[in-house]
Amino acid sequence: MKYILSIIAIIVIALIYESSQKEKKTERLKKVVTCQEFLKTNSKECLESPWLYVGLKSEEKAIKEIENFKAEINKLNIELDNFFNNKKINESEYQIISWSDFDRVDYLIKEINKEKLAIYDKKIVAISKLSGCLTVETLKSEIEYFLCSDNINKDDEFRTTIYINNIEELTNLKKVLDKLSILGLRSEGLFRSNINLYDLQVYGKIKKIEIMHYEMEVHNIKFFKKLVSDKQILNMLEKKIFWSDWNKVREFQNSRSF
């Protein structure tokens, strides 16, 4: 019996080893094809890790493009300065709130029980961010237009995501958010920006409160540019270039059979 068990153990180990070797060969082939055919290089850095190679190239590109990037941000800042004034609202009608006010169990219980919350009828204004929040829907890009709360949840270290439920009515805001995405100034999909270049003062009405996200009818937004260093701006550009290039690498790899 011990002899049979030993034979079985040897066979299992051999199969595991064979599978492991096959995976290593596949991974090596994947790296070689990615570097030679897509990234057009035989460099040692790339063959060891296409991920790190794309990162190194992103740093080089960012240094070359930083002045143009800063000029684009300055151009956008002028548009953001005028954004609030293009749509007049009566600010005195809005109640100042903190997003942390909604981190209460009774709100969630009432929402689950389909009870109407009094807050849904109130016009509110709250400080928000462009980055630092995450839900499955935003990660998959099923929800493209959203904001983030200014407070970070203690449990998961993410800000609460604020879905803009009337975005189709806000043509100008849609254009602004698209420009912010193009410049890499807001989180989107797999791209996670760790710097918030702006504080947002968001006016509107809360329409739904859930654990991972809220829904809001947005009436207007004030954008306040924060003081950031050139090093931080360079870091933002590097991340923007990296994720743009790496997504292209992933698309190439997915198009090939390894």
Protein backbone atom coordinates (compact mmCIF):
# COMPACT_ATOMS: atom_id res chain seq x y z
CA MET A 1 0.00 0.00 0.00
CA LYS A 2 2.83 2.38 0.91
CA TYR A 3 4.49 1.52 -2.41
CA ILE A 4 1.33 2.43 -4.35
CA LEU A 5 0.93 5.71 -2.43
CA SER A 6 4.56 6.56 -3.16
CA ILE A 7 4.02 5.94 -6.89
CA ILE A 8 0.90 8.14 -6.85
CA ALA A 9 2.79 10.90 -4.99
CA ILE A 10 5.63 10.77 -7.53
CA ILE A 11 3.16 11.00 -10.43
CA VAL A 12 1.34 13.96 -8.85
CA ILE A 13 4.63 15.79 -8.20
CA ALA A 14 5.74 15.10 -11.76
CA LEU A 15 2.48 16.48 -13.17
CA ILE A 16 2.71 19.59 -10.99
CA TYR A 17 6.33 20.13 -12.09
CA GLU A 18 5.41 19.66 -15.75
CA SER A 19 2.54 22.13 -15.43
CA SER A 20 4.81 24.64 -13.69
CA GLN A 21 7.47 24.34 -16.39
CA LYS A 22 4.83 24.78 -19.09
CA GLU A 23 3.55 27.95 -17.41
CA LYS A 24 7.10 29.32 -17.17
CA LYS A 25 7.74 28.62 -20.86
CA THR A 26 4.46 30.30 -21.78
CA GLU A 27 5.32 33.34 -19.68
CA ARG A 28 8.78 33.59 -21.24
CA LEU A 29 7.28 33.33 -24.73
CA LYS A 30 4.73 36.01 -23.83
CA LYS A 31 7.50 38.38 -22.73
CA VAL A 32 9.63 37.74 -25.83
CA VAL A 33 6.75 38.23 -28.27
CA THR A 34 5.52 41.35 -26.43
CA CYS A 35 8.98 42.94 -26.45
CA GLN A 36 10.04 41.99 -29.97
CA GLU A 37 6.79 42.32 -31.89
CA PHE A 38 4.94 45.05 -30.01
CA LEU A 39 7.47 47.12 -28.08
CA LYS A 40 10.13 46.62 -30.80
CA THR A 41 13.02 45.93 -28.43
CA ASN A 42 15.31 43.10 -27.36
CA SER A 43 16.51 44.93 -24.26
CA LYS A 44 17.26 42.89 -21.16
CA GLU A 45 14.93 45.13 -19.09
CA CYS A 46 11.96 44.37 -21.31
CA LEU A 47 12.62 40.61 -21.59
CA GLU A 48 12.77 40.43 -17.80
CA SER A 49 9.64 42.52 -17.26
CA PRO A 50 7.62 44.33 -19.96
CA TRP A 51 5.72 46.00 -17.09
CA LEU A 52 8.87 47.62 -15.66
CA TYR A 53 10.13 48.46 -19.16
CA VAL A 54 6.92 50.36 -19.98
CA GLY A 55 7.32 52.13 -16.65
CA LEU A 56 10.87 53.25 -17.50
CA LYS A 57 9.77 54.50 -20.92
CA SER A 58 6.85 56.34 -19.31
CA GLU A 59 9.30 58.28 -17.11
CA GLU A 60 11.35 59.25 -20.18
CA LYS A 61 8.28 60.35 -22.14
CA ALA A 62 6.92 62.33 -19.18
CA ILE A 63 10.12 64.38 -18.88
CA LYS A 64 9.91 65.28 -22.57
CA GLU A 65 6.21 66.13 -22.46
CA ILE A 66 5.95 67.88 -19.06
CA GLU A 67 5.92 71.46 -20.37
CA ASN A 68 3.14 70.72 -22.88
CA PHE A 69 1.23 68.90 -20.13
CA LYS A 70 1.47 71.89 -17.78
CA ALA A 71 0.31 74.19 -20.59
CA GLU A 72 -2.74 71.96 -21.16
CA ILE A 73 -3.56 72.06 -17.44
CA ASN A 74 -3.29 75.87 -17.39
CA LYS A 75 -5.61 76.06 -20.39
CA LEU A 76 -8.12 73.80 -18.64
CA ASN A 77 -7.88 75.86 -15.44
CA ILE A 78 -9.24 78.90 -17.27
CA GLU A 79 -12.24 76.85 -18.39
CA LEU A 80 -12.77 75.51 -14.86
CA ASP A 81 -12.62 79.01 -13.38
CA ASN A 82 -15.53 80.02 -15.60
CA PHE A 83 -17.48 76.77 -15.30
CA PHE A 84 -19.52 77.68 -12.20
CA ASN A 85 -20.48 81.11 -13.54
CA ASN A 86 -21.89 79.67 -16.76
CA LYS A 87 -24.86 78.19 -14.89
CA LYS A 88 -26.30 80.42 -12.18
CA ILE A 89 -27.75 78.91 -9.01
CA ASN A 90 -28.87 80.44 -5.75
CA GLU A 91 -26.20 79.23 -3.32
CA SER A 92 -28.26 80.28 -0.28
CA GLU A 93 -30.75 77.49 -1.08
CA TYR A 94 -28.13 74.79 -0.46
CA GLN A 95 -27.41 73.18 2.90
CA ILE A 96 -23.73 72.50 3.65
CA ILE A 97 -23.14 68.83 4.50
CA SER A 98 -20.25 66.42 5.00
CA TRP A 99 -20.33 63.09 3.14
CA SER A 100 -19.52 61.41 6.44
CA ASP A 101 -23.01 62.45 7.62
CA PHE A 102 -24.40 59.66 5.42
CA ASP A 103 -22.23 56.93 6.94
CA ARG A 104 -25.07 55.90 9.22
CA VAL A 105 -26.84 52.57 9.47
CA ASP A 106 -30.31 54.13 9.69
CA TYR A 107 -29.90 55.67 6.23
CA LEU A 108 -29.07 52.27 4.74
CA ILE A 109 -31.92 50.52 6.57
CA LYS A 110 -34.44 53.08 5.34
CA GLU A 111 -33.08 52.77 1.80
CA ILE A 112 -33.38 48.97 1.92
CA ASN A 113 -36.95 49.32 3.24
CA LYS A 114 -37.77 51.73 0.40
CA GLU A 115 -38.49 54.53 2.85
CA LYS A 116 -38.15 58.06 1.50
CA LEU A 117 -35.35 59.97 3.23
CA ALA A 118 -35.88 63.63 4.10
CA ILE A 119 -32.40 64.45 2.78
CA TYR A 120 -33.56 63.53 -0.75
CA ASP A 121 -35.71 66.68 -0.88
CA LYS A 122 -32.94 69.02 0.26
CA LYS A 123 -30.51 70.95 -1.88
CA ILE A 124 -27.02 70.28 -0.55
CA VAL A 125 -23.43 71.35 -1.18
CA ALA A 126 -20.41 69.26 -0.22
CA ILE A 127 -16.66 69.14 -0.85
CA SER A 128 -15.69 66.37 -3.27
CA LYS A 129 -12.70 65.00 -5.18
CA LEU A 130 -11.96 63.69 -8.66
CA SER A 131 -10.00 60.64 -7.50
CA GLY A 132 -9.65 58.10 -4.73
CA CYS A 133 -12.93 56.18 -5.03
CA LEU A 134 -13.71 52.82 -6.58
CA THR A 135 -16.65 50.52 -7.29
CA VAL A 136 -16.98 47.47 -9.53
CA GLU A 137 -18.96 49.58 -12.02
CA THR A 138 -16.31 52.30 -12.27
CA LEU A 139 -13.50 49.73 -12.46
CA LYS A 140 -15.22 48.09 -15.43
CA SER A 141 -15.98 51.54 -16.91
CA GLU A 142 -19.70 50.74 -16.79
CA ILE A 143 -20.10 54.04 -14.91
CA GLU A 144 -17.92 56.72 -16.54
CA TYR A 145 -19.13 59.92 -14.91
CA PHE A 146 -18.71 60.10 -11.16
CA LEU A 147 -17.13 62.09 -8.35
CA CYS A 148 -15.59 61.04 -5.04
CA SER A 149 -16.38 62.08 -1.48
CA ASP A 150 -13.70 64.00 0.41
CA ASN A 151 -13.68 61.60 3.37
CA ILE A 152 -11.93 58.22 3.23
CA ASN A 153 -13.76 55.15 4.54
CA LYS A 154 -11.85 53.56 7.43
CA ASP A 155 -12.80 50.02 6.38
CA ASP A 156 -11.44 50.00 2.82
CA GLU A 157 -9.38 53.22 2.62
CA PHE A 158 -11.38 54.43 -0.39
CA ARG A 159 -13.58 57.48 -0.73
CA THR A 160 -17.28 56.94 -1.41
CA THR A 161 -18.19 57.08 -5.09
CA ILE A 162 -20.80 59.65 -6.16
CA TYR A 163 -22.62 58.64 -9.35
CA ILE A 164 -23.95 61.62 -11.34
CA ASN A 165 -27.42 60.41 -12.29
CA ASN A 166 -28.29 63.38 -14.53
CA ILE A 167 -25.05 63.55 -16.52
CA GLU A 168 -26.86 63.38 -19.87
CA GLU A 169 -28.46 66.74 -19.04
CA LEU A 170 -25.08 68.30 -18.17
CA THR A 171 -23.35 68.60 -21.53
CA ASN A 172 -20.71 71.06 -20.34
CA LEU A 173 -19.84 69.00 -17.26
CA LYS A 174 -19.55 65.91 -19.42
CA LYS A 175 -17.03 67.72 -21.65
CA VAL A 176 -15.05 68.93 -18.63
CA LEU A 177 -14.87 65.43 -17.10
CA ASP A 178 -13.80 64.03 -20.47
CA LYS A 179 -10.96 66.58 -20.67
CA LEU A 180 -9.90 65.74 -17.11
CA SER A 181 -9.81 62.05 -18.08
CA ILE A 182 -7.74 62.72 -21.20
CA LEU A 183 -5.22 64.65 -19.10
CA GLY A 184 -5.15 61.89 -16.45
CA LEU A 185 -6.45 64.17 -13.70
CA ARG A 186 -9.18 61.80 -12.52
CA SER A 187 -9.32 58.07 -11.80
CA GLU A 188 -10.89 55.90 -14.45
CA GLY A 189 -10.98 52.14 -15.05
CA LEU A 190 -7.65 50.60 -14.02
CA PHE A 191 -5.98 54.01 -13.88
CA ARG A 192 -5.76 55.20 -10.27
CA SER A 193 -4.65 58.77 -9.74
CA ASN A 194 -3.19 59.27 -6.25
CA ILE A 195 -3.15 63.08 -6.51
CA ASN A 196 -6.17 65.36 -6.48
CA LEU A 197 -5.32 68.56 -8.33
CA TYR A 198 -8.67 70.12 -7.39
CA ASP A 199 -11.17 70.38 -4.58
CA LEU A 200 -14.76 70.41 -5.81
CA GLN A 201 -17.70 72.18 -4.22
CA VAL A 202 -20.64 70.18 -5.55
CA TYR A 203 -24.23 71.49 -5.51
CA GLY A 204 -27.24 69.23 -6.01
CA LYS A 205 -29.58 66.67 -4.48
CA ILE A 206 -28.83 63.21 -3.09
CA LYS A 207 -31.01 60.64 -4.85
CA LYS A 208 -29.81 57.35 -3.38
CA ILE A 209 -27.60 56.17 -0.51
CA GLU A 210 -25.92 52.75 -0.71
CA ILE A 211 -22.95 51.16 1.03
CA MET A 212 -20.37 51.61 -1.74
CA HIS A 213 -21.83 54.60 -3.54
CA TYR A 214 -24.35 57.43 -3.55
CA GLU A 215 -26.32 58.82 -6.48
CA MET A 216 -26.58 62.58 -6.93
CA GLU A 217 -28.44 64.99 -9.15
CA VAL A 218 -25.74 67.60 -9.78
CA HIS A 219 -26.75 71.23 -10.30
CA ASN A 220 -23.35 72.91 -10.45
CA ILE A 221 -19.70 72.56 -9.41
CA LYS A 222 -17.00 74.96 -8.28
CA PHE A 223 -13.44 73.84 -9.02
CA PHE A 224 -10.66 74.98 -6.68
CA LYS A 225 -7.11 74.34 -7.89
CA LYS A 226 -4.80 73.08 -5.14
CA LEU A 227 -1.13 73.92 -4.81
CA VAL A 228 0.94 71.00 -6.12
CA SER A 229 4.63 70.73 -6.92
CA ASP A 230 6.14 70.18 -10.38
CA LYS A 231 7.27 66.77 -9.10
CA GLN A 232 3.66 65.78 -8.36
CA ILE A 233 2.52 66.97 -11.79
CA LEU A 234 5.33 64.96 -13.39
CA ASN A 235 4.21 61.92 -11.39
CA MET A 236 0.64 62.36 -12.67
CA LEU A 237 1.89 62.53 -16.26
CA GLU A 238 4.01 59.40 -15.80
CA LYS A 239 1.00 57.47 -14.52
CA LYS A 240 -1.18 58.75 -17.34
CA ILE A 241 1.38 57.68 -19.99
CA PHE A 242 2.06 54.35 -18.27
CA TRP A 243 -1.57 53.24 -18.09
CA SER A 244 -2.26 54.38 -21.64
CA ASP A 245 0.73 52.39 -22.97
CA TRP A 246 0.19 49.39 -20.71
CA ASN A 247 -3.44 49.05 -21.76
CA LYS A 248 -2.20 48.84 -25.37
CA VAL A 249 0.25 46.11 -24.33
CA ARG A 250 -2.58 44.17 -22.66
CA GLU A 251 -4.73 44.50 -25.77
CA PHE A 252 -1.86 43.10 -27.86
CA GLN A 253 -1.29 40.22 -25.46
CA ASN A 254 -5.00 39.38 -25.39
CA SER A 255 -5.03 39.29 -29.18
CA ARG A 256 -2.36 36.57 -29.22
CA SER A 257 -2.67 32.96 -28.11
CA PHE A 258 -0.06 32.02 -25.52
